[in-house]
Amino acid sequence: MKIMIVDDSKAMRMIVQRTLRQAGFGDHEVVEAENGAQALSALEKSPVDLVLSDWNMPEMSGIELLRGMRAKGLGGAFGFVTSEGTPPMRQQASEAGALFLIAKPFTAEAFEQVLRPVLT
């Protein structure tokens, strides 16, 4: 399976990728994008099975990315890995089609629990 990590922080993209490995998902192909606009452009050319996106990013936020994907008919599972996880954000994410929202700081166990049903 192919996973896209979308975050404006290179360090956070590396942490998310490491956590995927620690959670037992190291055998999946991983691609990266620095913001929602870059991700949407890449997804139009080469779809992925799962997008793990930050919420707050320059150019295009994670929620705008999700809405843009759905407006363009781009499928694939979508979840947020973000520092904020307020109930209104969770509701907005769910209504837009996100399967989950993992709040930072996160653990490999949290990734395994949330991603196992999505990636198997």
PDB file of N, CA and C in Angstrom:
ATOM      1  N   MET A   1       0.831  -1.184   0.000  1.00  0.00           N
ATOM      2  CA  MET A   1       0.000   0.000   0.000  1.00  0.00           C
ATOM      3  C   MET A   1       0.879   1.252   0.000  1.00  0.00           C
ATOM      4  N   LYS A   2       0.302   2.323  -0.484  1.00  0.00           N
ATOM      5  CA  LYS A   2       1.038   3.582  -0.592  1.00  0.00           C
ATOM      6  C   LYS A   2       0.415   4.604   0.363  1.00  0.00           C
ATOM      7  N   ILE A   3       1.270   5.230   1.179  1.00  0.00           N
ATOM      8  CA  ILE A   3       0.843   6.207   2.180  1.00  0.00           C
ATOM      9  C   ILE A   3       1.503   7.542   1.881  1.00  0.00           C
ATOM     10  N   MET A   4       0.712   8.626   1.939  1.00  0.00           N
ATOM     11  CA  MET A   4       1.268   9.973   1.791  1.00  0.00           C
ATOM     12  C   MET A   4       1.208  10.672   3.144  1.00  0.00           C
ATOM     13  N   ILE A   5       2.345  11.231   3.560  1.00  0.00           N
ATOM     14  CA  ILE A   5       2.428  12.031   4.776  1.00  0.00           C
ATOM     15  C   ILE A   5       2.503  13.492   4.353  1.00  0.00           C
ATOM     16  N   VAL A   6       1.555  14.296   4.843  1.00  0.00           N
ATOM     17  CA  VAL A   6       1.488  15.706   4.463  1.00  0.00           C
ATOM     18  C   VAL A   6       1.665  16.558   5.717  1.00  0.00           C
ATOM     19  N   ASP A   7       2.767  17.278   5.791  1.00  0.00           N
ATOM     20  CA  ASP A   7       3.053  18.144   6.941  1.00  0.00           C
ATOM     21  C   ASP A   7       4.086  19.161   6.503  1.00  0.00           C
ATOM     22  N   ASP A   8       3.930  20.404   6.945  1.00  0.00           N
ATOM     23  CA  ASP A   8       4.884  21.441   6.550  1.00  0.00           C
ATOM     24  C   ASP A   8       6.209  21.323   7.291  1.00  0.00           C
ATOM     25  N   SER A   9       6.268  20.480   8.300  1.00  0.00           N
ATOM     26  CA  SER A   9       7.502  20.265   9.051  1.00  0.00           C
ATOM     27  C   SER A   9       8.176  18.970   8.597  1.00  0.00           C
ATOM     28  N   LYS A  10       9.375  19.088   8.037  1.00  0.00           N
ATOM     29  CA  LYS A  10      10.142  17.912   7.617  1.00  0.00           C
ATOM     30  C   LYS A  10      10.396  16.992   8.806  1.00  0.00           C
ATOM     31  N   ALA A  11      10.706  17.579   9.958  1.00  0.00           N
ATOM     32  CA  ALA A  11      10.950  16.765  11.158  1.00  0.00           C
ATOM     33  C   ALA A  11       9.708  15.956  11.526  1.00  0.00           C
ATOM     34  N   MET A  12       8.532  16.566  11.441  1.00  0.00           N
ATOM     35  CA  MET A  12       7.305  15.844  11.784  1.00  0.00           C
ATOM     36  C   MET A  12       7.021  14.745  10.766  1.00  0.00           C
ATOM     37  N   ARG A  13       7.292  14.997   9.494  1.00  0.00           N
ATOM     38  CA  ARG A  13       7.105  13.939   8.488  1.00  0.00           C
ATOM     39  C   ARG A  13       8.004  12.752   8.812  1.00  0.00           C
ATOM     40  N   MET A  14       9.226  13.028   9.258  1.00  0.00           N
ATOM     41  CA  MET A  14      10.151  11.960   9.622  1.00  0.00           C
ATOM     42  C   MET A  14       9.648  11.210  10.859  1.00  0.00           C
ATOM     43  N   ILE A  15       9.104  11.930  11.829  1.00  0.00           N
ATOM     44  CA  ILE A  15       8.572  11.300  13.046  1.00  0.00           C
ATOM     45  C   ILE A  15       7.377  10.414  12.708  1.00  0.00           C
ATOM     46  N   VAL A  16       6.495  10.906  11.856  1.00  0.00           N
ATOM     47  CA  VAL A  16       5.330  10.106  11.458  1.00  0.00           C
ATOM     48  C   VAL A  16       5.791   8.841  10.737  1.00  0.00           C
ATOM     49  N   GLN A  17       6.762   8.966   9.849  1.00  0.00           N
ATOM     50  CA  GLN A  17       7.266   7.795   9.138  1.00  0.00           C
ATOM     51  C   GLN A  17       7.906   6.795  10.108  1.00  0.00           C
ATOM     52  N   ARG A  18       8.685   7.290  11.057  1.00  0.00           N
ATOM     53  CA  ARG A  18       9.290   6.403  12.062  1.00  0.00           C
ATOM     54  C   ARG A  18       8.209   5.711  12.885  1.00  0.00           C
ATOM     55  N   THR A  19       7.176   6.444  13.257  1.00  0.00           N
ATOM     56  CA  THR A  19       6.098   5.870  14.056  1.00  0.00           C
ATOM     57  C   THR A  19       5.336   4.813  13.260  1.00  0.00           C
ATOM     58  N   LEU A  20       5.180   5.024  11.967  1.00  0.00           N
ATOM     59  CA  LEU A  20       4.564   3.990  11.129  1.00  0.00           C
ATOM     60  C   LEU A  20       5.381   2.697  11.189  1.00  0.00           C
ATOM     61  N   ARG A  21       6.697   2.818  11.095  1.00  0.00           N
ATOM     62  CA  ARG A  21       7.564   1.631  11.184  1.00  0.00           C
ATOM     63  C   ARG A  21       7.416   0.967  12.544  1.00  0.00           C
ATOM     64  N   GLN A  22       7.445   1.764  13.614  1.00  0.00           N
ATOM     65  CA  GLN A  22       7.333   1.219  14.969  1.00  0.00           C
ATOM     66  C   GLN A  22       5.994   0.530  15.189  1.00  0.00           C
ATOM     67  N   ALA A  23       4.965   0.991  14.499  1.00  0.00           N
ATOM     68  CA  ALA A  23       3.626   0.414  14.647  1.00  0.00           C
ATOM     69  C   ALA A  23       3.430  -0.818  13.761  1.00  0.00           C
ATOM     70  N   GLY A  24       4.458  -1.173  12.997  1.00  0.00           N
ATOM     71  CA  GLY A  24       4.379  -2.370  12.173  1.00  0.00           C
ATOM     72  C   GLY A  24       3.975  -2.133  10.735  1.00  0.00           C
ATOM     73  N   PHE A  25       4.027  -0.882  10.285  1.00  0.00           N
ATOM     74  CA  PHE A  25       3.632  -0.562   8.919  1.00  0.00           C
ATOM     75  C   PHE A  25       4.817  -0.105   8.068  1.00  0.00           C
ATOM     76  N   GLY A  26       6.005  -0.598   8.379  1.00  0.00           N
ATOM     77  CA  GLY A  26       7.215  -0.181   7.691  1.00  0.00           C
ATOM     78  C   GLY A  26       7.364  -0.725   6.290  1.00  0.00           C
ATOM     79  N   ASP A  27       6.513  -1.696   5.917  1.00  0.00           N
ATOM     80  CA  ASP A  27       6.639  -2.292   4.590  1.00  0.00           C
ATOM     81  C   ASP A  27       5.832  -1.556   3.526  1.00  0.00           C
ATOM     82  N   HIS A  28       5.131  -0.499   3.913  1.00  0.00           N
ATOM     83  CA  HIS A  28       4.337   0.272   2.966  1.00  0.00           C
ATOM     84  C   HIS A  28       5.200   1.357   2.309  1.00  0.00           C
ATOM     85  N   GLU A  29       4.893   1.666   1.062  1.00  0.00           N
ATOM     86  CA  GLU A  29       5.584   2.746   0.362  1.00  0.00           C
ATOM     87  C   GLU A  29       5.089   4.077   0.933  1.00  0.00           C
ATOM     88  N   VAL A  30       6.022   4.980   1.231  1.00  0.00           N
ATOM     89  CA  VAL A  30       5.667   6.282   1.805  1.00  0.00           C
ATOM     90  C   VAL A  30       6.160   7.391   0.890  1.00  0.00           C
ATOM     91  N   VAL A  31       5.271   8.339   0.612  1.00  0.00           N
ATOM     92  CA  VAL A  31       5.626   9.548  -0.122  1.00  0.00           C
ATOM     93  C   VAL A  31       5.269  10.732   0.759  1.00  0.00           C
ATOM     94  N   GLU A  32       5.853  11.890   0.467  1.00  0.00           N
ATOM     95  CA  GLU A  32       5.661  13.064   1.320  1.00  0.00           C
ATOM     96  C   GLU A  32       5.231  14.276   0.508  1.00  0.00           C
ATOM     97  N   ALA A  33       4.546  15.194   1.207  1.00  0.00           N
ATOM     98  CA  ALA A  33       4.212  16.496   0.645  1.00  0.00           C
ATOM     99  C   ALA A  33       4.316  17.523   1.758  1.00  0.00           C
ATOM    100  N   GLU A  34       4.706  18.755   1.394  1.00  0.00           N
ATOM    101  CA  GLU A  34       4.928  19.813   2.378  1.00  0.00           C
ATOM    102  C   GLU A  34       3.675  20.589   2.739  1.00  0.00           C
ATOM    103  N   ASN A  35       2.639  20.489   1.930  1.00  0.00           N
ATOM    104  CA  ASN A  35       1.387  21.200   2.225  1.00  0.00           C
ATOM    105  C   ASN A  35       0.272  20.586   1.397  1.00  0.00           C
ATOM    106  N   GLY A  36      -0.956  21.045   1.660  1.00  0.00           N
ATOM    107  CA  GLY A  36      -2.099  20.480   0.967  1.00  0.00           C
ATOM    108  C   GLY A  36      -2.085  20.696  -0.529  1.00  0.00           C
ATOM    109  N   ALA A  37      -1.627  21.867  -0.976  1.00  0.00           N
ATOM    110  CA  ALA A  37      -1.592  22.149  -2.413  1.00  0.00           C
ATOM    111  C   ALA A  37      -0.641  21.198  -3.130  1.00  0.00           C
ATOM    112  N   GLN A  38       0.533  20.995  -2.557  1.00  0.00           N
ATOM    113  CA  GLN A  38       1.507  20.072  -3.148  1.00  0.00           C
ATOM    114  C   GLN A  38       0.942  18.649  -3.146  1.00  0.00           C
ATOM    115  N   ALA A  39       0.288  18.277  -2.053  1.00  0.00           N
ATOM    116  CA  ALA A  39      -0.293  16.938  -1.941  1.00  0.00           C
ATOM    117  C   ALA A  39      -1.382  16.720  -2.985  1.00  0.00           C
ATOM    118  N   LEU A  40      -2.286  17.692  -3.132  1.00  0.00           N
ATOM    119  CA  LEU A  40      -3.385  17.549  -4.080  1.00  0.00           C
ATOM    120  C   LEU A  40      -2.859  17.395  -5.502  1.00  0.00           C
ATOM    121  N   SER A  41      -1.865  18.176  -5.846  1.00  0.00           N
ATOM    122  CA  SER A  41      -1.259  18.077  -7.176  1.00  0.00           C
ATOM    123  C   SER A  41      -0.655  16.690  -7.390  1.00  0.00           C
ATOM    124  N   ALA A  42       0.061  16.183  -6.390  1.00  0.00           N
ATOM    125  CA  ALA A  42       0.685  14.865  -6.496  1.00  0.00           C
ATOM    126  C   ALA A  42      -0.366  13.759  -6.572  1.00  0.00           C
ATOM    127  N   LEU A  43      -1.446  13.904  -5.807  1.00  0.00           N
ATOM    128  CA  LEU A  43      -2.495  12.880  -5.779  1.00  0.00           C
ATOM    129  C   LEU A  43      -3.248  12.796  -7.099  1.00  0.00           C
ATOM    130  N   GLU A  44      -3.344  13.910  -7.791  1.00  0.00           N
ATOM    131  CA  GLU A  44      -4.001  13.902  -9.107  1.00  0.00           C
ATOM    132  C   GLU A  44      -3.199  13.081 -10.108  1.00  0.00           C
ATOM    133  N   LYS A  45      -1.885  13.033  -9.911  1.00  0.00           N
ATOM    134  CA  LYS A  45      -1.007  12.295 -10.819  1.00  0.00           C
ATOM    135  C   LYS A  45      -0.817  10.848 -10.395  1.00  0.00           C
ATOM    136  N   SER A  46      -0.794  10.628  -9.078  1.00  0.00           N
ATOM    137  CA  SER A  46      -0.510   9.289  -8.563  1.00  0.00           C
ATOM    138  C   SER A  46      -1.256   9.087  -7.243  1.00  0.00           C
ATOM    139  N   PRO A  47      -2.401   8.403  -7.281  1.00  0.00           N
ATOM    140  CA  PRO A  47      -3.186   8.220  -6.065  1.00  0.00           C
ATOM    141  C   PRO A  47      -2.470   7.350  -5.035  1.00  0.00           C
ATOM    142  N   VAL A  48      -2.891   7.480  -3.799  1.00  0.00           N
ATOM    143  CA  VAL A  48      -2.351   6.678  -2.702  1.00  0.00           C
ATOM    144  C   VAL A  48      -3.516   5.992  -1.987  1.00  0.00           C
ATOM    145  N   ASP A  49      -3.188   5.049  -1.126  1.00  0.00           N
ATOM    146  CA  ASP A  49      -4.207   4.324  -0.371  1.00  0.00           C
ATOM    147  C   ASP A  49      -4.615   5.057   0.891  1.00  0.00           C
ATOM    148  N   LEU A  50      -3.678   5.825   1.460  1.00  0.00           N
ATOM    149  CA  LEU A  50      -3.941   6.530   2.714  1.00  0.00           C
ATOM    150  C   LEU A  50      -3.178   7.841   2.743  1.00  0.00           C
ATOM    151  N   VAL A  51      -3.847   8.901   3.171  1.00  0.00           N
ATOM    152  CA  VAL A  51      -3.213  10.200   3.395  1.00  0.00           C
ATOM    153  C   VAL A  51      -3.239  10.463   4.893  1.00  0.00           C
ATOM    154  N   LEU A  52      -2.069  10.756   5.464  1.00  0.00           N
ATOM    155  CA  LEU A  52      -1.937  11.193   6.859  1.00  0.00           C
ATOM    156  C   LEU A  52      -1.532  12.656   6.798  1.00  0.00           C
ATOM    157  N   SER A  53      -2.430  13.541   7.218  1.00  0.00           N
ATOM    158  CA  SER A  53      -2.198  14.967   7.017  1.00  0.00           C
ATOM    159  C   SER A  53      -2.270  15.763   8.306  1.00  0.00           C
ATOM    160  N   ASP A  54      -1.395  16.755   8.390  1.00  0.00           N
ATOM    161  CA  ASP A  54      -1.499  17.772   9.425  1.00  0.00           C
ATOM    162  C   ASP A  54      -2.721  18.621   9.086  1.00  0.00           C
ATOM    163  N   TRP A  55      -3.218  19.365  10.053  1.00  0.00           N
ATOM    164  CA  TRP A  55      -4.366  20.229   9.814  1.00  0.00           C
ATOM    165  C   TRP A  55      -3.911  21.613   9.353  1.00  0.00           C
ATOM    166  N   ASN A  56      -3.034  22.238  10.144  1.00  0.00           N
ATOM    167  CA  ASN A  56      -2.599  23.610   9.881  1.00  0.00           C
ATOM    168  C   ASN A  56      -1.309  23.624   9.079  1.00  0.00           C
ATOM    169  N   MET A  57      -1.425  24.107   7.830  1.00  0.00           N
ATOM    170  CA  MET A  57      -0.259  24.208   6.949  1.00  0.00           C
ATOM    171  C   MET A  57      -0.438  25.436   6.062  1.00  0.00           C
ATOM    172  N   PRO A  58       0.674  26.012   5.599  1.00  0.00           N
ATOM    173  CA  PRO A  58       0.562  27.117   4.633  1.00  0.00           C
ATOM    174  C   PRO A  58       0.080  26.585   3.286  1.00  0.00           C
ATOM    175  N   GLU A  59      -0.324  27.492   2.414  1.00  0.00           N
ATOM    176  CA  GLU A  59      -0.777  27.173   1.048  1.00  0.00           C
ATOM    177  C   GLU A  59      -2.175  26.558   1.033  1.00  0.00           C
ATOM    178  N   MET A  60      -2.338  25.420   1.720  1.00  0.00           N
ATOM    179  CA  MET A  60      -3.628  24.738   1.779  1.00  0.00           C
ATOM    180  C   MET A  60      -3.627  23.860   3.015  1.00  0.00           C
ATOM    181  N   SER A  61      -4.631  24.037   3.868  1.00  0.00           N
ATOM    182  CA  SER A  61      -4.707  23.267   5.112  1.00  0.00           C
ATOM    183  C   SER A  61      -5.102  21.821   4.824  1.00  0.00           C
ATOM    184  N   GLY A  62      -4.997  21.001   5.840  1.00  0.00           N
ATOM    185  CA  GLY A  62      -5.382  19.604   5.708  1.00  0.00           C
ATOM    186  C   GLY A  62      -6.859  19.427   5.402  1.00  0.00           C
ATOM    187  N   ILE A  63      -7.719  20.215   6.045  1.00  0.00           N
ATOM    188  CA  ILE A  63      -9.157  20.084   5.792  1.00  0.00           C
ATOM    189  C   ILE A  63      -9.474  20.548   4.369  1.00  0.00           C
ATOM    190  N   GLU A  64      -8.782  21.573   3.889  1.00  0.00           N
ATOM    191  CA  GLU A  64      -8.965  22.013   2.502  1.00  0.00           C
ATOM    192  C   GLU A  64      -8.481  20.938   1.525  1.00  0.00           C
ATOM    193  N   LEU A  65      -7.397  20.253   1.882  1.00  0.00           N
ATOM    194  CA  LEU A  65      -6.897  19.147   1.066  1.00  0.00           C
ATOM    195  C   LEU A  65      -7.950  18.054   0.973  1.00  0.00           C
ATOM    196  N   LEU A  66      -8.491  17.648   2.099  1.00  0.00           N
ATOM    197  CA  LEU A  66      -9.496  16.586   2.110  1.00  0.00           C
ATOM    198  C   LEU A  66     -10.702  16.980   1.258  1.00  0.00           C
ATOM    199  N   ARG A  67     -11.189  18.193   1.449  1.00  0.00           N
ATOM    200  CA  ARG A  67     -12.337  18.651   0.664  1.00  0.00           C
ATOM    201  C   ARG A  67     -12.002  18.730  -0.822  1.00  0.00           C
ATOM    202  N   GLY A  68     -10.775  19.176  -1.142  1.00  0.00           N
ATOM    203  CA  GLY A  68     -10.341  19.242  -2.532  1.00  0.00           C
ATOM    204  C   GLY A  68     -10.247  17.868  -3.167  1.00  0.00           C
ATOM    205  N   MET A  69      -9.749  16.893  -2.405  1.00  0.00           N
ATOM    206  CA  MET A  69      -9.667  15.520  -2.907  1.00  0.00           C
ATOM    207  C   MET A  69     -11.052  14.998  -3.245  1.00  0.00           C
ATOM    208  N   ARG A  70     -11.967  15.172  -2.337  1.00  0.00           N
ATOM    209  CA  ARG A  70     -13.317  14.649  -2.542  1.00  0.00           C
ATOM    210  C   ARG A  70     -14.028  15.384  -3.688  1.00  0.00           C
ATOM    211  N   ALA A  71     -13.801  16.687  -3.801  1.00  0.00           N
ATOM    212  CA  ALA A  71     -14.418  17.460  -4.884  1.00  0.00           C
ATOM    213  C   ALA A  71     -13.911  16.987  -6.248  1.00  0.00           C
ATOM    214  N   LYS A  72     -12.662  16.520  -6.293  1.00  0.00           N
ATOM    215  CA  LYS A  72     -12.077  16.045  -7.551  1.00  0.00           C
ATOM    216  C   LYS A  72     -12.304  14.554  -7.762  1.00  0.00           C
ATOM    217  N   GLY A  73     -13.030  13.926  -6.840  1.00  0.00           N
ATOM    218  CA  GLY A  73     -13.317  12.502  -6.971  1.00  0.00           C
ATOM    219  C   GLY A  73     -12.147  11.606  -6.626  1.00  0.00           C
ATOM    220  N   LEU A  74     -11.186  12.147  -5.882  1.00  0.00           N
ATOM    221  CA  LEU A  74     -10.025  11.343  -5.484  1.00  0.00           C
ATOM    222  C   LEU A  74     -10.364  10.560  -4.225  1.00  0.00           C
ATOM    223  N   GLY A  75     -10.262   9.261  -4.324  1.00  0.00           N
ATOM    224  CA  GLY A  75     -10.580   8.397  -3.197  1.00  0.00           C
ATOM    225  C   GLY A  75      -9.382   8.217  -2.287  1.00  0.00           C
ATOM    226  N   GLY A  76      -9.385   7.134  -1.582  1.00  0.00           N
ATOM    227  CA  GLY A  76      -8.325   6.831  -0.637  1.00  0.00           C
ATOM    228  C   GLY A  76      -8.728   7.230   0.771  1.00  0.00           C
ATOM    229  N   ALA A  77      -8.234   6.474   1.721  1.00  0.00           N
ATOM    230  CA  ALA A  77      -8.505   6.763   3.127  1.00  0.00           C
ATOM    231  C   ALA A  77      -7.761   8.029   3.529  1.00  0.00           C
ATOM    232  N   PHE A  78      -8.327   8.763   4.475  1.00  0.00           N
ATOM    233  CA  PHE A  78      -7.740  10.036   4.903  1.00  0.00           C
ATOM    234  C   PHE A  78      -7.872  10.149   6.409  1.00  0.00           C
ATOM    235  N   GLY A  79      -6.766  10.547   7.060  1.00  0.00           N
ATOM    236  CA  GLY A  79      -6.791  10.797   8.493  1.00  0.00           C
ATOM    237  C   GLY A  79      -5.866  11.944   8.845  1.00  0.00           C
ATOM    238  N   PHE A  80      -6.165  12.568   9.961  1.00  0.00           N
ATOM    239  CA  PHE A  80      -5.353  13.688  10.433  1.00  0.00           C
ATOM    240  C   PHE A  80      -4.400  13.239  11.527  1.00  0.00           C
ATOM    241  N   VAL A  81      -3.184  13.776  11.490  1.00  0.00           N
ATOM    242  CA  VAL A  81      -2.206  13.662  12.566  1.00  0.00           C
ATOM    243  C   VAL A  81      -1.841  15.106  12.875  1.00  0.00           C
ATOM    244  N   THR A  82      -2.406  15.636  13.952  1.00  0.00           N
ATOM    245  CA  THR A  82      -2.324  17.071  14.184  1.00  0.00           C
ATOM    246  C   THR A  82      -2.199  17.395  15.664  1.00  0.00           C
ATOM    247  N   SER A  83      -1.725  18.596  15.953  1.00  0.00           N
ATOM    248  CA  SER A  83      -1.536  19.005  17.349  1.00  0.00           C
ATOM    249  C   SER A  83      -2.839  19.410  18.012  1.00  0.00           C
ATOM    250  N   GLU A  84      -3.862  19.636  17.225  1.00  0.00           N
ATOM    251  CA  GLU A  84      -5.149  20.019  17.789  1.00  0.00           C
ATOM    252  C   GLU A  84      -6.162  18.906  17.559  1.00  0.00           C
ATOM    253  N   GLY A  85      -6.986  18.667  18.548  1.00  0.00           N
ATOM    254  CA  GLY A  85      -7.995  17.631  18.399  1.00  0.00           C
ATOM    255  C   GLY A  85      -9.263  17.985  19.137  1.00  0.00           C
ATOM    256  N   THR A  86      -9.698  19.226  18.996  1.00  0.00           N
ATOM    257  CA  THR A  86     -10.892  19.677  19.702  1.00  0.00           C
ATOM    258  C   THR A  86     -12.127  18.950  19.147  1.00  0.00           C
ATOM    259  N   PRO A  87     -13.171  18.851  19.938  1.00  0.00           N
ATOM    260  CA  PRO A  87     -14.395  18.214  19.431  1.00  0.00           C
ATOM    261  C   PRO A  87     -14.930  18.851  18.146  1.00  0.00           C
ATOM    262  N   PRO A  88     -14.945  20.205  18.023  1.00  0.00           N
ATOM    263  CA  PRO A  88     -15.411  20.766  16.748  1.00  0.00           C
ATOM    264  C   PRO A  88     -14.530  20.367  15.558  1.00  0.00           C
ATOM    265  N   MET A  89     -13.213  20.288  15.768  1.00  0.00           N
ATOM    266  CA  MET A  89     -12.318  19.860  14.688  1.00  0.00           C
ATOM    267  C   MET A  89     -12.591  18.410  14.316  1.00  0.00           C
ATOM    268  N   ARG A  90     -12.772  17.570  15.338  1.00  0.00           N
ATOM    269  CA  ARG A  90     -13.056  16.154  15.068  1.00  0.00           C
ATOM    270  C   ARG A  90     -14.352  16.007  14.279  1.00  0.00           C
ATOM    271  N   GLN A  91     -15.356  16.796  14.637  1.00  0.00           N
ATOM    272  CA  GLN A  91     -16.630  16.740  13.932  1.00  0.00           C
ATOM    273  C   GLN A  91     -16.469  17.215  12.489  1.00  0.00           C
ATOM    274  N   GLN A  92     -15.760  18.323  12.312  1.00  0.00           N
ATOM    275  CA  GLN A  92     -15.519  18.859  10.967  1.00  0.00           C
ATOM    276  C   GLN A  92     -14.764  17.836  10.116  1.00  0.00           C
ATOM    277  N   ALA A  93     -13.761  17.192  10.704  1.00  0.00           N
ATOM    278  CA  ALA A  93     -12.975  16.187   9.986  1.00  0.00           C
ATOM    279  C   ALA A  93     -13.865  15.014   9.572  1.00  0.00           C
ATOM    280  N   SER A  94     -14.671  14.543  10.490  1.00  0.00           N
ATOM    281  CA  SER A  94     -15.557  13.416  10.219  1.00  0.00           C
ATOM    282  C   SER A  94     -16.565  13.762   9.128  1.00  0.00           C
ATOM    283  N   GLU A  95     -17.151  14.940   9.211  1.00  0.00           N
ATOM    284  CA  GLU A  95     -18.142  15.363   8.219  1.00  0.00           C
ATOM    285  C   GLU A  95     -17.521  15.494   6.832  1.00  0.00           C
ATOM    286  N   ALA A  96     -16.234  15.838   6.768  1.00  0.00           N
ATOM    287  CA  ALA A  96     -15.547  15.978   5.480  1.00  0.00           C
ATOM    288  C   ALA A  96     -15.090  14.633   4.920  1.00  0.00           C
ATOM    289  N   GLY A  97     -15.141  13.586   5.746  1.00  0.00           N
ATOM    290  CA  GLY A  97     -14.783  12.259   5.270  1.00  0.00           C
ATOM    291  C   GLY A  97     -13.525  11.659   5.858  1.00  0.00           C
ATOM    292  N   ALA A  98     -12.935  12.314   6.857  1.00  0.00           N
ATOM    293  CA  ALA A  98     -11.749  11.743   7.502  1.00  0.00           C
ATOM    294  C   ALA A  98     -12.163  10.539   8.343  1.00  0.00           C
ATOM    295  N   LEU A  99     -11.337   9.514   8.337  1.00  0.00           N
ATOM    296  CA  LEU A  99     -11.625   8.315   9.115  1.00  0.00           C
ATOM    297  C   LEU A  99     -11.201   8.443  10.566  1.00  0.00           C
ATOM    298  N   PHE A 100     -10.210   9.309  10.824  1.00  0.00           N
ATOM    299  CA  PHE A 100      -9.698   9.446  12.190  1.00  0.00           C
ATOM    300  C   PHE A 100      -8.938  10.744  12.335  1.00  0.00           C
ATOM    301  N   LEU A 101      -8.679  11.103  13.584  1.00  0.00           N
ATOM    302  CA  LEU A 101      -7.828  12.239  13.926  1.00  0.00           C
ATOM    303  C   LEU A 101      -6.965  11.782  15.094  1.00  0.00           C
ATOM    304  N   ILE A 102      -5.671  11.678  14.849  1.00  0.00           N
ATOM    305  CA  ILE A 102      -4.710  11.313  15.891  1.00  0.00           C
ATOM    306  C   ILE A 102      -4.070  12.607  16.372  1.00  0.00           C
ATOM    307  N   ALA A 103      -4.189  12.868  17.672  1.00  0.00           N
ATOM    308  CA  ALA A 103      -3.635  14.106  18.226  1.00  0.00           C
ATOM    309  C   ALA A 103      -2.182  13.891  18.649  1.00  0.00           C
ATOM    310  N   LYS A 104      -1.351  14.911  18.392  1.00  0.00           N
ATOM    311  CA  LYS A 104       0.044  14.911  18.846  1.00  0.00           C
ATOM    312  C   LYS A 104       0.053  15.312  20.318  1.00  0.00           C
ATOM    313  N   PRO A 105       0.927  14.796  21.137  1.00  0.00           N
ATOM    314  CA  PRO A 105       1.901  13.741  20.822  1.00  0.00           C
ATOM    315  C   PRO A 105       1.199  12.394  20.701  1.00  0.00           C
ATOM    316  N   PHE A 106       1.723  11.541  19.851  1.00  0.00           N
ATOM    317  CA  PHE A 106       1.109  10.241  19.598  1.00  0.00           C
ATOM    318  C   PHE A 106       2.122   9.147  19.873  1.00  0.00           C
ATOM    319  N   THR A 107       1.624   7.922  19.918  1.00  0.00           N
ATOM    320  CA  THR A 107       2.478   6.761  20.166  1.00  0.00           C
ATOM    321  C   THR A 107       2.336   5.771  19.015  1.00  0.00           C
ATOM    322  N   ALA A 108       3.277   4.851  18.945  1.00  0.00           N
ATOM    323  CA  ALA A 108       3.190   3.785  17.952  1.00  0.00           C
ATOM    324  C   ALA A 108       1.940   2.947  18.210  1.00  0.00           C
ATOM    325  N   GLU A 109       1.581   2.777  19.480  1.00  0.00           N
ATOM    326  CA  GLU A 109       0.395   2.000  19.830  1.00  0.00           C
ATOM    327  C   GLU A 109      -0.871   2.671  19.295  1.00  0.00           C
ATOM    328  N   ALA A 110      -0.931   3.997  19.400  1.00  0.00           N
ATOM    329  CA  ALA A 110      -2.092   4.728  18.874  1.00  0.00           C
ATOM    330  C   ALA A 110      -2.174   4.551  17.362  1.00  0.00           C
ATOM    331  N   PHE A 111      -1.036   4.631  16.684  1.00  0.00           N
ATOM    332  CA  PHE A 111      -1.013   4.432  15.229  1.00  0.00           C
ATOM    333  C   PHE A 111      -1.482   3.028  14.887  1.00  0.00           C
ATOM    334  N   GLU A 112      -0.970   2.041  15.595  1.00  0.00           N
ATOM    335  CA  GLU A 112      -1.326   0.640  15.305  1.00  0.00           C
ATOM    336  C   GLU A 112      -2.824   0.433  15.480  1.00  0.00           C
ATOM    337  N   GLN A 113      -3.371   0.940  16.564  1.00  0.00           N
ATOM    338  CA  GLN A 113      -4.790   0.758  16.867  1.00  0.00           C
ATOM    339  C   GLN A 113      -5.680   1.408  15.803  1.00  0.00           C
ATOM    340  N   VAL A 114      -5.342   2.621  15.393  1.00  0.00           N
ATOM    341  CA  VAL A 114      -6.165   3.361  14.442  1.00  0.00           C
ATOM    342  C   VAL A 114      -5.947   2.874  13.009  1.00  0.00           C
ATOM    343  N   LEU A 115      -4.714   2.542  12.659  1.00  0.00           N
ATOM    344  CA  LEU A 115      -4.396   2.222  11.269  1.00  0.00           C
ATOM    345  C   LEU A 115      -4.579   0.758  10.895  1.00  0.00           C
ATOM    346  N   ARG A 116      -4.561  -0.134  11.863  1.00  0.00           N
ATOM    347  CA  ARG A 116      -4.696  -1.574  11.549  1.00  0.00           C
ATOM    348  C   ARG A 116      -5.943  -1.851  10.697  1.00  0.00           C
ATOM    349  N   PRO A 117      -7.125  -1.341  11.076  1.00  0.00           N
ATOM    350  CA  PRO A 117      -8.300  -1.622  10.240  1.00  0.00           C
ATOM    351  C   PRO A 117      -8.227  -0.981   8.844  1.00  0.00           C
ATOM    352  N   VAL A 118      -7.498   0.118   8.722  1.00  0.00           N
ATOM    353  CA  VAL A 118      -7.399   0.843   7.452  1.00  0.00           C
ATOM    354  C   VAL A 118      -6.410   0.167   6.516  1.00  0.00           C
ATOM    355  N   LEU A 119      -5.313  -0.335   7.060  1.00  0.00           N
ATOM    356  CA  LEU A 119      -4.225  -0.848   6.230  1.00  0.00           C
ATOM    357  C   LEU A 119      -4.206  -2.360   6.071  1.00  0.00           C
ATOM    358  N   THR A 120      -5.196  -3.047   6.619  1.00  0.00           N
ATOM    359  CA  THR A 120      -5.226  -4.516   6.455  1.00  0.00           C
ATOM    360  C   THR A 120      -6.468  -4.950   5.719  1.00  0.00           C
TER     361      THR A 120
END
